[in-house]
């Protein structure tokens, strides 16, 4: 993520929506199962992590039937899915900071795959904490601009408890604290807004620009292959995209 790279990522996702929709839903479902198990509840009103994942699912146009089915599966006594959260940190080309969040049932499978990609297309895997210090955790809500009035959206966002809003030609990017994310999202939804994306993300404090075409291609390849990995939930970076 960088500047409005959140929007760039969404554009790419929308462009490949049909081909990747099944994989996106599978990853969200996995995250939902973990949220239910760790939160001990299938009710988003009593499980803030589940509420966040449901918001993410709705932004990805995951059908309500799929959401309900996944929650019911997670609550079922026969559900044997057992995933753990793992975070990998490393470097892309020219020292671009990369954070990879994964949900896996086998670290011995996931770690070598992530390490291989970082070694091949970047500068390799680093130690825990090597780059995360340069990111801030924030709620990020993206709304497509369409015919919406910027001042109105700004006022609605701030009235809902958001910290800030940035706008470009394509979208509005609203940021919140992690704790207030769910409440802000709910209030904006009540006001009739639809979301391109919504989640608690790692937002970089500074950015790295890649000048060489080879470095750009390697960074794009690294992101694409990491995101195609079934175990990888989120990929964050501080590459300044045009």
Protein backbone atom coordinates (compact mmCIF):
# COMPACT_ATOMS: atom_id res chain seq x y z
CA UNK A 1 0.00 0.00 0.00
CA UNK A 2 1.17 3.50 -0.71
CA UNK A 3 -0.51 6.81 -1.35
CA UNK A 4 -3.71 5.57 -2.93
CA UNK A 5 -2.27 2.19 -3.83
CA UNK A 6 -5.21 0.78 -1.88
CA UNK A 7 -7.29 1.93 -4.84
CA UNK A 8 -4.75 0.52 -7.31
CA UNK A 9 -5.05 -2.84 -5.59
CA UNK A 10 -8.84 -2.64 -5.72
CA UNK A 11 -8.79 -1.79 -9.43
CA UNK A 12 -6.64 -4.85 -10.05
CA UNK A 13 -8.96 -6.99 -7.96
CA UNK A 14 -12.03 -5.70 -9.78
CA UNK A 15 -10.41 -6.33 -13.14
CA UNK A 16 -9.74 -9.94 -12.24
CA UNK A 17 -12.87 -10.32 -10.14
CA UNK A 18 -14.40 -13.24 -12.01
CA UNK A 19 -11.17 -15.24 -12.08
CA UNK A 20 -10.25 -14.58 -8.47
CA UNK A 21 -13.63 -14.34 -6.78
CA UNK A 22 -13.60 -17.93 -5.56
CA UNK A 23 -10.11 -17.56 -4.07
CA UNK A 24 -11.03 -14.26 -2.40
CA UNK A 25 -14.13 -15.80 -0.83
CA UNK A 26 -12.13 -18.81 0.35
CA UNK A 27 -9.61 -16.56 2.10
CA UNK A 28 -12.31 -14.47 3.73
CA UNK A 29 -14.11 -17.63 4.86
CA UNK A 30 -10.90 -18.89 6.48
CA UNK A 31 -10.51 -15.58 8.28
CA UNK A 32 -14.12 -15.74 9.41
CA UNK A 33 -13.70 -19.23 10.85
CA UNK A 34 -10.68 -18.08 12.87
CA UNK A 35 -12.57 -15.00 14.08
CA UNK A 36 -15.49 -17.13 15.30
CA UNK A 37 -13.25 -19.64 17.05
CA UNK A 38 -11.02 -17.05 18.71
CA UNK A 39 -13.90 -14.73 19.60
CA UNK A 40 -16.05 -17.56 20.90
CA UNK A 41 -19.16 -16.20 19.21
CA UNK A 42 -20.89 -16.19 15.84
CA UNK A 43 -22.63 -12.91 16.67
CA UNK A 44 -20.74 -9.90 15.25
CA UNK A 45 -22.31 -7.71 17.95
CA UNK A 46 -20.36 -9.71 20.53
CA UNK A 47 -17.29 -10.44 18.41
CA UNK A 48 -15.51 -7.37 17.06
CA UNK A 49 -13.05 -9.37 14.98
CA UNK A 50 -15.89 -11.21 13.28
CA UNK A 51 -17.66 -7.90 12.63
CA UNK A 52 -14.52 -6.65 10.87
CA UNK A 53 -14.29 -9.76 8.69
CA UNK A 54 -17.98 -9.56 7.79
CA UNK A 55 -17.46 -5.95 6.69
CA UNK A 56 -14.56 -7.10 4.54
CA UNK A 57 -16.74 -9.89 3.10
CA UNK A 58 -19.55 -7.49 2.21
CA UNK A 59 -17.09 -5.08 0.55
CA UNK A 60 -15.91 -8.02 -1.58
CA UNK A 61 -19.57 -8.76 -2.51
CA UNK A 62 -19.57 -12.10 -0.71
CA UNK A 63 -23.20 -13.30 -0.65
CA UNK A 64 -24.97 -13.25 2.71
CA UNK A 65 -25.73 -16.97 2.34
CA UNK A 66 -21.99 -17.67 2.10
CA UNK A 67 -21.33 -15.58 5.20
CA UNK A 68 -24.03 -17.36 7.22
CA UNK A 69 -22.89 -20.79 6.01
CA UNK A 70 -19.29 -20.06 6.99
CA UNK A 71 -20.27 -18.86 10.48
CA UNK A 72 -22.47 -21.93 10.97
CA UNK A 73 -19.60 -24.15 9.86
CA UNK A 74 -17.23 -22.47 12.33
CA UNK A 75 -19.74 -23.00 15.14
CA UNK A 76 -20.32 -26.65 14.23
CA UNK A 77 -18.90 -29.26 16.60
CA UNK A 78 -17.60 -31.29 13.68
CA UNK A 79 -15.50 -28.46 12.24
CA UNK A 80 -11.88 -29.53 12.31
CA UNK A 81 -10.36 -26.52 10.53
CA UNK A 82 -7.45 -25.32 12.63
CA UNK A 83 -5.60 -22.29 11.30
CA UNK A 84 -3.06 -20.08 13.04
CA UNK A 85 -2.09 -16.50 12.26
CA UNK A 86 1.49 -16.00 11.10
CA UNK A 87 3.16 -12.75 10.03
CA UNK A 88 6.26 -12.66 7.83
CA UNK A 89 8.36 -9.54 7.27
CA UNK A 90 10.94 -8.93 4.59
CA UNK A 91 12.17 -6.78 1.75
CA UNK A 92 11.24 -6.38 -1.88
CA UNK A 93 13.46 -4.80 -4.56
CA UNK A 94 15.52 -1.80 -3.36
CA UNK A 95 14.53 -2.43 0.25
CA UNK A 96 10.76 -2.00 -0.16
CA UNK A 97 9.21 -3.11 3.14
CA UNK A 98 6.86 -6.09 2.85
CA UNK A 99 4.51 -7.56 5.47
CA UNK A 100 2.75 -10.83 4.71
CA UNK A 101 -0.17 -11.93 6.90
CA UNK A 102 -1.07 -15.61 6.60
CA UNK A 103 -3.55 -18.07 8.06
CA UNK A 104 -2.12 -21.56 7.81
CA UNK A 105 -2.62 -25.08 9.06
CA UNK A 106 1.01 -25.91 8.26
CA UNK A 107 3.83 -23.44 8.93
CA UNK A 108 6.29 -25.86 7.34
CA UNK A 109 4.50 -25.36 4.02
CA UNK A 110 3.83 -21.63 4.21
CA UNK A 111 7.16 -20.27 5.48
CA UNK A 112 9.35 -21.81 2.71
CA UNK A 113 6.94 -20.58 0.02
CA UNK A 114 6.98 -17.00 1.33
CA UNK A 115 10.75 -17.09 1.81
CA UNK A 116 11.29 -18.38 -1.73
CA UNK A 117 9.29 -15.54 -3.29
CA UNK A 118 11.03 -12.85 -1.21
CA UNK A 119 14.42 -14.33 -2.10
CA UNK A 120 13.62 -14.60 -5.81
CA UNK A 121 11.97 -11.24 -6.42
CA UNK A 122 13.21 -9.13 -3.50
CA UNK A 123 15.90 -8.90 -0.86
CA UNK A 124 14.68 -11.77 1.26
CA UNK A 125 12.86 -12.64 4.47
CA UNK A 126 13.76 -10.65 7.57
CA UNK A 127 13.40 -11.07 11.32
CA UNK A 128 10.16 -10.34 13.15
CA UNK A 129 9.83 -6.58 13.58
CA UNK A 130 12.33 -5.67 10.87
CA UNK A 131 9.80 -3.57 8.91
CA UNK A 132 6.56 -3.51 10.93
CA UNK A 133 7.89 -0.60 13.01
CA UNK A 134 7.48 1.61 9.93
CA UNK A 135 3.76 0.80 9.55
CA UNK A 136 0.72 1.94 11.55
CA UNK A 137 -2.35 -0.20 12.06
CA UNK A 138 -5.44 1.68 10.90
CA UNK A 139 -8.97 1.04 9.81
CA UNK A 140 -9.21 1.80 6.08
CA UNK A 141 -12.54 2.26 4.32
CA UNK A 142 -12.60 2.93 0.58
CA UNK A 143 -15.65 4.38 -1.19
CA UNK A 144 -15.88 4.80 -4.96
CA UNK A 145 -16.18 8.48 -5.83
CA UNK A 146 -18.84 8.25 -8.55
CA UNK A 147 -21.14 11.31 -8.17
CA UNK A 148 -20.60 11.75 -4.43
CA UNK A 149 -19.83 15.20 -3.07
CA UNK A 150 -16.43 15.29 -1.37
CA UNK A 151 -17.43 17.73 1.38
CA UNK A 152 -20.50 15.66 2.23
CA UNK A 153 -18.53 12.44 2.44
CA UNK A 154 -15.90 14.17 4.58
CA UNK A 155 -18.51 15.48 7.02
CA UNK A 156 -20.27 12.12 7.20
CA UNK A 157 -16.96 10.35 7.82
CA UNK A 158 -15.88 12.73 10.59
CA UNK A 159 -19.35 12.70 12.17
CA UNK A 160 -19.11 8.90 12.22
CA UNK A 161 -15.85 9.07 14.18
CA UNK A 162 -13.25 8.74 11.42
CA UNK A 163 -9.80 10.26 11.87
CA UNK A 164 -9.20 11.48 8.33
CA UNK A 165 -10.18 11.20 4.67
CA UNK A 166 -8.15 11.45 1.48
CA UNK A 167 -9.64 11.85 -1.96
CA UNK A 168 -8.44 11.34 -5.51
CA UNK A 169 -10.20 11.16 -8.88
CA UNK A 170 -11.41 7.62 -8.29
CA UNK A 171 -12.19 7.15 -4.62
CA UNK A 172 -12.37 8.37 -1.03
CA UNK A 173 -10.09 6.65 1.48
CA UNK A 174 -11.30 7.03 5.08
CA UNK A 175 -9.02 6.11 7.99
CA UNK A 176 -9.94 5.27 11.57
CA UNK A 177 -8.31 3.88 14.67
CA UNK A 178 -8.47 0.05 14.81
CA UNK A 179 -10.83 0.24 17.80
CA UNK A 180 -13.30 2.62 16.16
CA UNK A 181 -13.28 0.93 12.74
CA UNK A 182 -16.40 -1.18 13.28
CA UNK A 183 -18.46 1.69 14.67
CA UNK A 184 -17.42 4.08 11.86
CA UNK A 185 -18.18 1.45 9.24
CA UNK A 186 -21.63 0.75 10.71
CA UNK A 187 -22.54 4.44 10.84
CA UNK A 188 -21.44 5.03 7.24
CA UNK A 189 -23.43 1.99 6.16
CA UNK A 190 -26.48 3.44 7.91
CA UNK A 191 -25.96 6.61 5.87
CA UNK A 192 -26.25 4.54 2.69
CA UNK A 193 -22.63 4.25 1.62
CA UNK A 194 -21.33 1.18 -0.22
CA UNK A 195 -17.71 0.16 0.20
CA UNK A 196 -15.08 -0.94 -2.29
CA UNK A 197 -12.94 -2.18 0.54
CA UNK A 198 -13.01 -2.16 4.33
CA UNK A 199 -10.57 -3.59 6.83
CA UNK A 200 -7.96 -2.97 9.48
CA UNK A 201 -4.71 -2.62 7.53
CA UNK A 202 -1.03 -1.91 8.03
CA UNK A 203 -0.44 1.56 6.57
CA UNK A 204 3.16 2.63 5.79
CA UNK A 205 4.64 5.77 7.35
CA UNK A 206 6.89 6.39 4.34
CA UNK A 207 7.27 5.14 0.80
CA UNK A 208 9.93 3.85 -1.58
CA UNK A 209 9.84 4.70 -5.29
CA UNK A 210 11.25 2.18 -7.75
CA UNK A 211 13.03 3.78 -10.69
CA UNK A 212 14.16 0.75 -12.70
CA UNK A 213 11.69 -1.15 -14.86
CA UNK A 214 13.16 -4.47 -13.72
CA UNK A 215 12.56 -3.57 -10.06
CA UNK A 216 8.96 -2.58 -10.83
CA UNK A 217 8.35 -5.89 -12.63
CA UNK A 218 9.89 -7.88 -9.79
CA UNK A 219 7.79 -6.03 -7.20
CA UNK A 220 4.60 -6.62 -9.19
CA UNK A 221 5.49 -10.29 -9.58
CA UNK A 222 6.25 -10.62 -5.87
CA UNK A 223 2.88 -9.11 -4.86
CA UNK A 224 0.92 -11.16 -7.40
CA UNK A 225 2.50 -14.48 -6.41
CA UNK A 226 2.16 -13.81 -2.69
CA UNK A 227 -1.51 -12.92 -3.12
CA UNK A 228 -2.09 -16.08 -5.18
CA UNK A 229 -0.84 -18.21 -2.29
CA UNK A 230 -3.87 -19.79 -0.60
CA UNK A 231 -2.37 -19.30 2.87
CA UNK A 232 -1.68 -15.58 2.41
CA UNK A 233 -4.46 -13.28 3.61
CA UNK A 234 -2.92 -9.82 3.17
CA UNK A 235 0.20 -8.30 1.63
CA UNK A 236 1.27 -4.83 2.76
CA UNK A 237 4.18 -2.82 1.39
CA UNK A 238 5.50 0.72 1.10
CA UNK A 239 6.10 0.78 -2.65
CA UNK A 240 5.02 4.14 -4.03
CA UNK A 241 2.94 3.23 -7.06
CA UNK A 242 2.08 5.75 -9.77
